[in-house]
């Protein structure tokens, strides 16, 4: 059985990978600066909520 610390590291890696992928997609999509900033803000808030949910589990 894996250690809880190892499972936490794996979850963190997935979350970080998802955030990096989302930000890359947002930044490479053609949009105005205001639209891009809003998308980044929304994506970061969503990632934060998901991370907090994982931590609470």
Protein backbone atom coordinates (compact mmCIF):
# COMPACT_ATOMS: atom_id res chain seq x y z
CA UNK A 1 0.00 0.00 0.00
CA UNK A 2 1.28 3.46 -0.82
CA UNK A 3 2.07 6.05 1.80
CA UNK A 4 -0.45 8.92 2.11
CA UNK A 5 2.38 11.36 1.41
CA UNK A 6 3.05 9.69 -1.93
CA UNK A 7 -0.62 9.83 -2.89
CA UNK A 8 -0.68 13.52 -1.97
CA UNK A 9 2.32 14.15 -4.21
CA UNK A 10 0.61 12.39 -7.10
CA UNK A 11 -2.57 14.43 -6.64
CA UNK A 12 -0.54 17.63 -6.45
CA UNK A 13 1.27 16.71 -9.67
CA UNK A 14 -2.05 16.21 -11.46
CA UNK A 15 -3.41 19.51 -10.17
CA UNK A 16 -0.28 21.43 -11.15
CA UNK A 17 -0.27 19.76 -14.56
CA UNK A 18 -3.91 20.66 -15.09
CA UNK A 19 -3.30 24.29 -14.13
CA UNK A 20 -0.28 24.58 -16.40
CA UNK A 21 -2.20 23.00 -19.28
CA UNK A 22 -5.20 25.25 -18.75
CA UNK A 23 -3.09 28.39 -18.57
CA UNK A 24 -1.16 27.40 -21.68
CA UNK A 25 -4.39 26.87 -23.58
CA UNK A 26 -5.79 30.18 -22.41
CA UNK A 27 -2.65 32.12 -23.24
CA UNK A 28 -2.34 30.62 -26.72
CA UNK A 29 -5.99 31.24 -27.63
CA UNK A 30 -6.60 34.47 -29.52
CA UNK A 31 -8.46 36.88 -27.23
CA UNK A 32 -8.20 40.43 -25.91
CA UNK A 33 -6.15 41.15 -22.81
CA UNK A 34 -9.24 41.69 -20.66
CA UNK A 35 -10.79 38.41 -21.83
CA UNK A 36 -7.55 36.53 -21.21
CA UNK A 37 -7.15 37.97 -17.70
CA UNK A 38 -10.74 37.00 -16.86
CA UNK A 39 -10.17 33.47 -18.15
CA UNK A 40 -6.97 33.15 -16.10
CA UNK A 41 -8.74 34.42 -12.99
CA UNK A 42 -11.63 32.01 -13.48
CA UNK A 43 -9.29 29.08 -14.14
CA UNK A 44 -7.19 29.85 -11.06
CA UNK A 45 -10.27 30.07 -8.83
CA UNK A 46 -11.54 26.76 -10.19
CA UNK A 47 -8.15 25.13 -9.61
CA UNK A 48 -8.04 26.52 -6.08
CA UNK A 49 -11.50 25.11 -5.30
CA UNK A 50 -10.56 21.69 -6.67
CA UNK A 51 -7.30 21.67 -4.72
CA UNK A 52 -9.11 22.56 -1.49
CA UNK A 53 -11.64 19.78 -2.13
CA UNK A 54 -8.81 17.27 -2.57
CA UNK A 55 -7.12 18.46 0.61
CA UNK A 56 -10.35 18.06 2.59
CA UNK A 57 -10.77 14.45 1.39
